């Protein structure tokens, strides 16, 4: 598949460590990428920095609304506290699109303690907010941002993909494989509570064992050669 047939990807809150790292990896894999921010000038500056790492002009920066409007697939990488407000800002631009939620309900300073939002997982609440016309998928919560911007390194972590839309889940599995990651369809959107809670577990493991980027591996299931 050439770059002209790949979907465009927009990252809301794409100036943060996770969002900018994923943006760089997808641009490196040939996707057209836009990073969004509440502050468009900051997004433009980060895009310039990422393009320097990429070695070409593959990423543009703008507002969150611009990123959502310009993209086929939208990725939400804002902190949990900004989830609802960001979605309200771009709600109209999300209609009919796949929205990948990377949000984890961390409550500082106790980020190593799992927090269950009222009514279930963070992403399930988001699907209720947006309605069925937005194809919500949960993924990438357990991928550490620590090494994402070093393109010479592979990321040693599997990805759990949850959605009530199986075709959308399969699309996101492909997006993960494009980054060299193993990804698995982990069932309905409600199951994302597991990957959301696992993030606090991994943070605790990082602290206890003094490592920067612990991850997860699935066993007993066949593995593919990622793209």
C-alpha atoms as a PDB file:
ATOM      1  CA  UNK A   1       0.000   0.000   0.000  1.00  0.00           C
ATOM      2  CA  UNK A   2       1.496   3.355  -0.997  1.00  0.00           C
ATOM      3  CA  UNK A   3       1.271   6.611   0.931  1.00  0.00           C
ATOM      4  CA  UNK A   4      -1.485   7.954  -1.334  1.00  0.00           C
ATOM      5  CA  UNK A   5      -3.851   5.123  -0.345  1.00  0.00           C
ATOM      6  CA  UNK A   6      -3.134   5.218   3.384  1.00  0.00           C
ATOM      7  CA  UNK A   7      -5.650   6.986   5.640  1.00  0.00           C
ATOM      8  CA  UNK A   8      -4.688  10.329   7.113  1.00  0.00           C
ATOM      9  CA  UNK A   9      -4.144  10.354  10.876  1.00  0.00           C
ATOM     10  CA  UNK A  10      -4.795  13.268  13.239  1.00  0.00           C
ATOM     11  CA  UNK A  11      -3.666  13.338  16.857  1.00  0.00           C
ATOM     12  CA  UNK A  12      -5.577  15.509  19.316  1.00  0.00           C
ATOM     13  CA  UNK A  13      -3.206  16.639  22.033  1.00  0.00           C
ATOM     14  CA  UNK A  14      -0.441  15.580  19.686  1.00  0.00           C
ATOM     15  CA  UNK A  15       2.198  17.804  21.246  1.00  0.00           C
ATOM     16  CA  UNK A  16       2.515  15.575  24.326  1.00  0.00           C
ATOM     17  CA  UNK A  17       5.015  12.738  24.658  1.00  0.00           C
ATOM     18  CA  UNK A  18       2.647   9.952  23.647  1.00  0.00           C
ATOM     19  CA  UNK A  19       0.901  11.832  20.865  1.00  0.00           C
ATOM     20  CA  UNK A  20       4.047  13.238  19.291  1.00  0.00           C
ATOM     21  CA  UNK A  21       5.808   9.876  19.509  1.00  0.00           C
ATOM     22  CA  UNK A  22       2.952   8.061  17.783  1.00  0.00           C
ATOM     23  CA  UNK A  23       2.768  10.849  15.185  1.00  0.00           C
ATOM     24  CA  UNK A  24       6.446  10.418  14.346  1.00  0.00           C
ATOM     25  CA  UNK A  25       6.117   6.641  14.066  1.00  0.00           C
ATOM     26  CA  UNK A  26       3.082   6.823  11.751  1.00  0.00           C
ATOM     27  CA  UNK A  27       4.728   9.462   9.567  1.00  0.00           C
ATOM     28  CA  UNK A  28       7.819   7.256   9.380  1.00  0.00           C
ATOM     29  CA  UNK A  29       5.548   4.408   8.202  1.00  0.00           C
ATOM     30  CA  UNK A  30       4.257   6.614   5.381  1.00  0.00           C
ATOM     31  CA  UNK A  31       1.024   8.006   6.812  1.00  0.00           C
ATOM     32  CA  UNK A  32       0.059  11.655   6.398  1.00  0.00           C
ATOM     33  CA  UNK A  33      -0.130  13.035   9.929  1.00  0.00           C
ATOM     34  CA  UNK A  34      -1.536  16.172  11.569  1.00  0.00           C
ATOM     35  CA  UNK A  35      -0.948  16.973  15.228  1.00  0.00           C
ATOM     36  CA  UNK A  36      -3.445  19.179  17.019  1.00  0.00           C
ATOM     37  CA  UNK A  37      -3.315  21.286  20.146  1.00  0.00           C
ATOM     38  CA  UNK A  38      -5.304  23.920  22.020  1.00  0.00           C
ATOM     39  CA  UNK A  39      -2.381  26.133  20.991  1.00  0.00           C
ATOM     40  CA  UNK A  40      -1.833  25.836  17.194  1.00  0.00           C
ATOM     41  CA  UNK A  41       1.516  27.638  17.316  1.00  0.00           C
ATOM     42  CA  UNK A  42       2.818  25.001  19.727  1.00  0.00           C
ATOM     43  CA  UNK A  43       1.592  22.249  17.403  1.00  0.00           C
ATOM     44  CA  UNK A  44       3.405  23.893  14.486  1.00  0.00           C
ATOM     45  CA  UNK A  45       6.639  24.059  16.511  1.00  0.00           C
ATOM     46  CA  UNK A  46       6.392  20.403  17.560  1.00  0.00           C
ATOM     47  CA  UNK A  47       5.639  19.372  13.967  1.00  0.00           C
ATOM     48  CA  UNK A  48       8.827  21.157  12.873  1.00  0.00           C
ATOM     49  CA  UNK A  49      10.839  19.272  15.523  1.00  0.00           C
ATOM     50  CA  UNK A  50       9.324  15.941  14.480  1.00  0.00           C
ATOM     51  CA  UNK A  51       9.993  16.589  10.802  1.00  0.00           C
ATOM     52  CA  UNK A  52      13.644  17.187  11.678  1.00  0.00           C
ATOM     53  CA  UNK A  53      13.731  13.718  13.273  1.00  0.00           C
ATOM     54  CA  UNK A  54      11.834  12.270  10.326  1.00  0.00           C
ATOM     55  CA  UNK A  55      14.126  13.837   7.763  1.00  0.00           C
ATOM     56  CA  UNK A  56      11.281  15.179   5.617  1.00  0.00           C
ATOM     57  CA  UNK A  57       8.058  17.205   5.796  1.00  0.00           C
ATOM     58  CA  UNK A  58       5.595  14.493   6.795  1.00  0.00           C
ATOM     59  CA  UNK A  59       3.787  16.102   9.737  1.00  0.00           C
ATOM     60  CA  UNK A  60       1.832  19.332  10.015  1.00  0.00           C
ATOM     61  CA  UNK A  61       0.535  21.104  13.119  1.00  0.00           C
ATOM     62  CA  UNK A  62      -2.630  23.035  13.843  1.00  0.00           C
ATOM     63  CA  UNK A  63      -5.558  23.244  16.231  1.00  0.00           C
ATOM     64  CA  UNK A  64      -7.344  20.158  17.527  1.00  0.00           C
ATOM     65  CA  UNK A  65     -10.301  21.020  15.305  1.00  0.00           C
ATOM     66  CA  UNK A  66      -8.054  21.312  12.242  1.00  0.00           C
ATOM     67  CA  UNK A  67      -6.456  17.943  13.018  1.00  0.00           C
ATOM     68  CA  UNK A  68      -9.867  16.291  13.383  1.00  0.00           C
ATOM     69  CA  UNK A  69     -11.263  17.850  10.209  1.00  0.00           C
ATOM     70  CA  UNK A  70      -8.212  16.974   8.098  1.00  0.00           C
ATOM     71  CA  UNK A  71      -8.000  13.307   9.103  1.00  0.00           C
ATOM     72  CA  UNK A  72      -9.701  10.019   8.266  1.00  0.00           C
ATOM     73  CA  UNK A  73      -8.692   8.521  11.623  1.00  0.00           C
ATOM     74  CA  UNK A  74      -8.473  10.635  14.784  1.00  0.00           C
ATOM     75  CA  UNK A  75      -6.435   9.695  17.853  1.00  0.00           C
ATOM     76  CA  UNK A  76      -7.172  11.204  21.267  1.00  0.00           C
ATOM     77  CA  UNK A  77      -3.968  11.521  23.310  1.00  0.00           C
ATOM     78  CA  UNK A  78      -4.915  14.208  25.839  1.00  0.00           C
ATOM     79  CA  UNK A  79      -4.806  13.705  29.630  1.00  0.00           C
ATOM     80  CA  UNK A  80      -7.952  12.193  31.116  1.00  0.00           C
ATOM     81  CA  UNK A  81      -8.897  15.531  32.708  1.00  0.00           C
ATOM     82  CA  UNK A  82      -9.117  17.110  29.227  1.00  0.00           C
ATOM     83  CA  UNK A  83     -10.960  14.243  27.506  1.00  0.00           C
ATOM     84  CA  UNK A  84     -14.532  15.541  27.598  1.00  0.00           C
ATOM     85  CA  UNK A  85     -13.699  19.170  26.771  1.00  0.00           C
ATOM     86  CA  UNK A  86     -11.533  18.172  23.795  1.00  0.00           C
ATOM     87  CA  UNK A  87     -14.238  15.908  22.394  1.00  0.00           C
ATOM     88  CA  UNK A  88     -16.893  18.614  22.677  1.00  0.00           C
ATOM     89  CA  UNK A  89     -14.616  20.949  20.709  1.00  0.00           C
ATOM     90  CA  UNK A  90     -14.248  18.540  17.763  1.00  0.00           C
ATOM     91  CA  UNK A  91     -17.487  16.568  18.001  1.00  0.00           C
ATOM     92  CA  UNK A  92     -18.890  17.572  14.616  1.00  0.00           C
ATOM     93  CA  UNK A  93     -15.605  16.770  12.834  1.00  0.00           C
ATOM     94  CA  UNK A  94     -15.619  13.221  14.235  1.00  0.00           C
ATOM     95  CA  UNK A  95     -18.906  12.116  12.684  1.00  0.00           C
ATOM     96  CA  UNK A  96     -18.522   8.959  10.597  1.00  0.00           C
ATOM     97  CA  UNK A  97     -14.842   8.571  11.481  1.00  0.00           C
ATOM     98  CA  UNK A  98     -12.782   6.163  13.574  1.00  0.00           C
ATOM     99  CA  UNK A  99     -11.705   7.712  16.870  1.00  0.00           C
ATOM    100  CA  UNK A 100      -8.904   5.919  18.720  1.00  0.00           C
ATOM    101  CA  UNK A 101      -8.860   6.691  22.424  1.00  0.00           C
ATOM    102  CA  UNK A 102      -5.537   6.369  24.226  1.00  0.00           C
ATOM    103  CA  UNK A 103      -6.911   7.989  27.396  1.00  0.00           C
ATOM    104  CA  UNK A 104      -6.121   6.460  30.774  1.00  0.00           C
ATOM    105  CA  UNK A 105      -8.034   7.599  33.896  1.00  0.00           C
ATOM    106  CA  UNK A 106      -4.936   8.473  35.922  1.00  0.00           C
ATOM    107  CA  UNK A 107      -5.497  10.627  38.996  1.00  0.00           C
ATOM    108  CA  UNK A 108      -2.266  12.403  40.034  1.00  0.00           C
ATOM    109  CA  UNK A 109      -0.403  12.034  42.245  1.00  0.00           C
ATOM    110  CA  UNK A 110      -1.571   8.408  42.672  1.00  0.00           C
ATOM    111  CA  UNK A 111      -0.864   7.401  39.062  1.00  0.00           C
ATOM    112  CA  UNK A 112       0.319   3.968  40.174  1.00  0.00           C
ATOM    113  CA  UNK A 113      -3.114   3.194  41.615  1.00  0.00           C
ATOM    114  CA  UNK A 114      -5.843   2.030  39.236  1.00  0.00           C
ATOM    115  CA  UNK A 115      -8.869   4.325  39.103  1.00  0.00           C
ATOM    116  CA  UNK A 116     -12.218   3.169  37.730  1.00  0.00           C
ATOM    117  CA  UNK A 117     -14.289   6.075  36.358  1.00  0.00           C
ATOM    118  CA  UNK A 118     -17.927   6.343  37.338  1.00  0.00           C
ATOM    119  CA  UNK A 119     -19.970   4.231  34.940  1.00  0.00           C
ATOM    120  CA  UNK A 120     -17.076   2.061  33.755  1.00  0.00           C
ATOM    121  CA  UNK A 121     -14.074   2.668  31.514  1.00  0.00           C
ATOM    122  CA  UNK A 122     -12.974   6.069  30.224  1.00  0.00           C
ATOM    123  CA  UNK A 123     -13.483   5.068  26.599  1.00  0.00           C
ATOM    124  CA  UNK A 124     -16.926   3.559  27.163  1.00  0.00           C
ATOM    125  CA  UNK A 125     -18.050   6.875  28.629  1.00  0.00           C
ATOM    126  CA  UNK A 126     -16.669   8.589  25.541  1.00  0.00           C
ATOM    127  CA  UNK A 127     -18.684   6.360  23.196  1.00  0.00           C
ATOM    128  CA  UNK A 128     -21.851   7.216  25.112  1.00  0.00           C
ATOM    129  CA  UNK A 129     -21.026  10.902  24.828  1.00  0.00           C
ATOM    130  CA  UNK A 130     -20.370  10.844  21.073  1.00  0.00           C
ATOM    131  CA  UNK A 131     -23.057   8.413  19.948  1.00  0.00           C
ATOM    132  CA  UNK A 132     -22.946   5.549  17.477  1.00  0.00           C
ATOM    133  CA  UNK A 133     -21.988   7.645  14.432  1.00  0.00           C
ATOM    134  CA  UNK A 134     -18.424   7.871  15.763  1.00  0.00           C
ATOM    135  CA  UNK A 135     -16.588   4.529  15.576  1.00  0.00           C
ATOM    136  CA  UNK A 136     -14.716   4.521  18.883  1.00  0.00           C
ATOM    137  CA  UNK A 137     -11.752   2.191  19.412  1.00  0.00           C
ATOM    138  CA  UNK A 138      -9.567   1.806  22.498  1.00  0.00           C
ATOM    139  CA  UNK A 139      -5.856   1.105  21.936  1.00  0.00           C
ATOM    140  CA  UNK A 140      -2.228   1.999  22.767  1.00  0.00           C
ATOM    141  CA  UNK A 141      -2.770   2.693  26.503  1.00  0.00           C
ATOM    142  CA  UNK A 142       0.037   0.322  27.483  1.00  0.00           C
ATOM    143  CA  UNK A 143       2.659   1.590  25.000  1.00  0.00           C
ATOM    144  CA  UNK A 144       5.229   3.697  26.817  1.00  0.00           C
ATOM    145  CA  UNK A 145       6.153   7.022  25.226  1.00  0.00           C
ATOM    146  CA  UNK A 146       9.741   6.683  26.451  1.00  0.00           C
ATOM    147  CA  UNK A 147      11.308   5.302  23.260  1.00  0.00           C
ATOM    148  CA  UNK A 148       8.733   6.287  20.625  1.00  0.00           C
ATOM    149  CA  UNK A 149      10.828   9.123  19.206  1.00  0.00           C
ATOM    150  CA  UNK A 150      13.907   6.945  18.719  1.00  0.00           C
ATOM    151  CA  UNK A 151      13.172   5.446  15.315  1.00  0.00           C
ATOM    152  CA  UNK A 152      16.166   3.118  15.573  1.00  0.00           C
ATOM    153  CA  UNK A 153      14.438   1.171  18.360  1.00  0.00           C
ATOM    154  CA  UNK A 154      11.560  -1.301  18.147  1.00  0.00           C
ATOM    155  CA  UNK A 155       8.829  -0.996  20.775  1.00  0.00           C
ATOM    156  CA  UNK A 156       8.603  -4.109  22.921  1.00  0.00           C
ATOM    157  CA  UNK A 157       4.899  -4.082  23.788  1.00  0.00           C
ATOM    158  CA  UNK A 158       1.700  -5.693  22.519  1.00  0.00           C
ATOM    159  CA  UNK A 159      -1.437  -3.642  21.867  1.00  0.00           C
ATOM    160  CA  UNK A 160      -4.946  -4.563  23.000  1.00  0.00           C
ATOM    161  CA  UNK A 161      -7.620  -3.193  20.657  1.00  0.00           C
ATOM    162  CA  UNK A 162     -11.212  -2.959  21.928  1.00  0.00           C
ATOM    163  CA  UNK A 163     -14.287  -1.739  20.044  1.00  0.00           C
ATOM    164  CA  UNK A 164     -17.932  -2.510  19.425  1.00  0.00           C
ATOM    165  CA  UNK A 165     -17.153  -2.149  15.701  1.00  0.00           C
ATOM    166  CA  UNK A 166     -15.119  -5.125  14.492  1.00  0.00           C
ATOM    167  CA  UNK A 167     -14.124  -3.505  11.178  1.00  0.00           C
ATOM    168  CA  UNK A 168     -12.847  -0.424  13.007  1.00  0.00           C
ATOM    169  CA  UNK A 169     -10.917  -2.649  15.416  1.00  0.00           C
ATOM    170  CA  UNK A 170      -9.273  -4.439  12.491  1.00  0.00           C
ATOM    171  CA  UNK A 171      -8.260  -1.097  10.979  1.00  0.00           C
ATOM    172  CA  UNK A 172      -6.575  -0.092  14.243  1.00  0.00           C
ATOM    173  CA  UNK A 173      -4.823  -3.469  14.471  1.00  0.00           C
ATOM    174  CA  UNK A 174      -3.330  -2.591  11.082  1.00  0.00           C
ATOM    175  CA  UNK A 175      -2.269   0.854  12.314  1.00  0.00           C
ATOM    176  CA  UNK A 176      -0.457  -0.760  15.237  1.00  0.00           C
ATOM    177  CA  UNK A 177       1.231  -3.295  12.973  1.00  0.00           C
ATOM    178  CA  UNK A 178       2.443  -0.423  10.775  1.00  0.00           C
ATOM    179  CA  UNK A 179       4.431   0.743  13.810  1.00  0.00           C
ATOM    180  CA  UNK A 180       6.008  -2.701  14.176  1.00  0.00           C
ATOM    181  CA  UNK A 181       3.766  -3.616  17.112  1.00  0.00           C
ATOM    182  CA  UNK A 182       1.880  -6.835  17.743  1.00  0.00           C
ATOM    183  CA  UNK A 183      -1.819  -6.016  18.110  1.00  0.00           C
ATOM    184  CA  UNK A 184      -4.849  -8.109  18.991  1.00  0.00           C
ATOM    185  CA  UNK A 185      -8.599  -7.597  18.764  1.00  0.00           C
ATOM    186  CA  UNK A 186      -9.499  -7.877  22.462  1.00  0.00           C
ATOM    187  CA  UNK A 187     -13.265  -7.712  22.074  1.00  0.00           C
ATOM    188  CA  UNK A 188     -15.941  -5.177  22.916  1.00  0.00           C
ATOM    189  CA  UNK A 189     -15.299  -1.622  24.023  1.00  0.00           C
ATOM    190  CA  UNK A 190     -16.206  -2.377  27.647  1.00  0.00           C
ATOM    191  CA  UNK A 191     -13.142  -4.649  27.816  1.00  0.00           C
ATOM    192  CA  UNK A 192     -10.918  -1.586  27.509  1.00  0.00           C
ATOM    193  CA  UNK A 193     -11.215  -1.159  31.271  1.00  0.00           C
ATOM    194  CA  UNK A 194      -8.524  -3.857  31.483  1.00  0.00           C
ATOM    195  CA  UNK A 195      -5.942  -2.028  29.344  1.00  0.00           C
ATOM    196  CA  UNK A 196      -6.794   1.268  31.049  1.00  0.00           C
ATOM    197  CA  UNK A 197      -6.157  -0.225  34.488  1.00  0.00           C
ATOM    198  CA  UNK A 198      -3.011  -2.022  33.298  1.00  0.00           C
ATOM    199  CA  UNK A 199      -1.336   1.339  32.747  1.00  0.00           C
ATOM    200  CA  UNK A 200      -1.255   2.010  36.491  1.00  0.00           C
ATOM    201  CA  UNK A 201       0.158  -1.481  37.008  1.00  0.00           C
ATOM    202  CA  UNK A 202       2.943  -0.784  34.488  1.00  0.00           C
ATOM    203  CA  UNK A 203       3.715   2.574  36.123  1.00  0.00           C
ATOM    204  CA  UNK A 204       4.085   0.769  39.459  1.00  0.00           C
ATOM    205  CA  UNK A 205       6.369  -1.841  37.868  1.00  0.00           C
ATOM    206  CA  UNK A 206       8.517   0.897  36.290  1.00  0.00           C
ATOM    207  CA  UNK A 207       8.946   2.529  39.687  1.00  0.00           C
ATOM    208  CA  UNK A 208       9.578  -0.700  41.599  1.00  0.00           C
ATOM    209  CA  UNK A 209      12.127  -2.112  39.156  1.00  0.00           C
ATOM    210  CA  UNK A 210      13.622   1.226  38.045  1.00  0.00           C
ATOM    211  CA  UNK A 211      12.858   0.769  34.347  1.00  0.00           C
ATOM    212  CA  UNK A 212      11.386   3.398  31.981  1.00  0.00           C
ATOM    213  CA  UNK A 213       9.029   1.408  29.790  1.00  0.00           C
ATOM    214  CA  UNK A 214       7.608  -1.921  30.935  1.00  0.00           C
ATOM    215  CA  UNK A 215       4.975  -3.356  28.592  1.00  0.00           C
ATOM    216  CA  UNK A 216       2.742  -6.371  28.060  1.00  0.00           C
ATOM    217  CA  UNK A 217       3.053  -9.565  26.000  1.00  0.00           C
ATOM    218  CA  UNK A 218       0.305 -12.037  25.105  1.00  0.00           C
ATOM    219  CA  UNK A 219       1.132 -15.738  25.194  1.00  0.00           C
ATOM    220  CA  UNK A 220      -0.608 -18.751  23.724  1.00  0.00           C
ATOM    221  CA  UNK A 221      -1.683 -16.923  20.568  1.00  0.00           C
ATOM    222  CA  UNK A 222      -0.037 -16.772  17.173  1.00  0.00           C
ATOM    223  CA  UNK A 223       2.183 -13.843  16.362  1.00  0.00           C
ATOM    224  CA  UNK A 224       2.525 -12.105  13.021  1.00  0.00           C
ATOM    225  CA  UNK A 225       5.387 -10.249  11.410  1.00  0.00           C
ATOM    226  CA  UNK A 226       4.428  -6.575  11.850  1.00  0.00           C
ATOM    227  CA  UNK A 227       4.803  -4.299   8.838  1.00  0.00           C
END
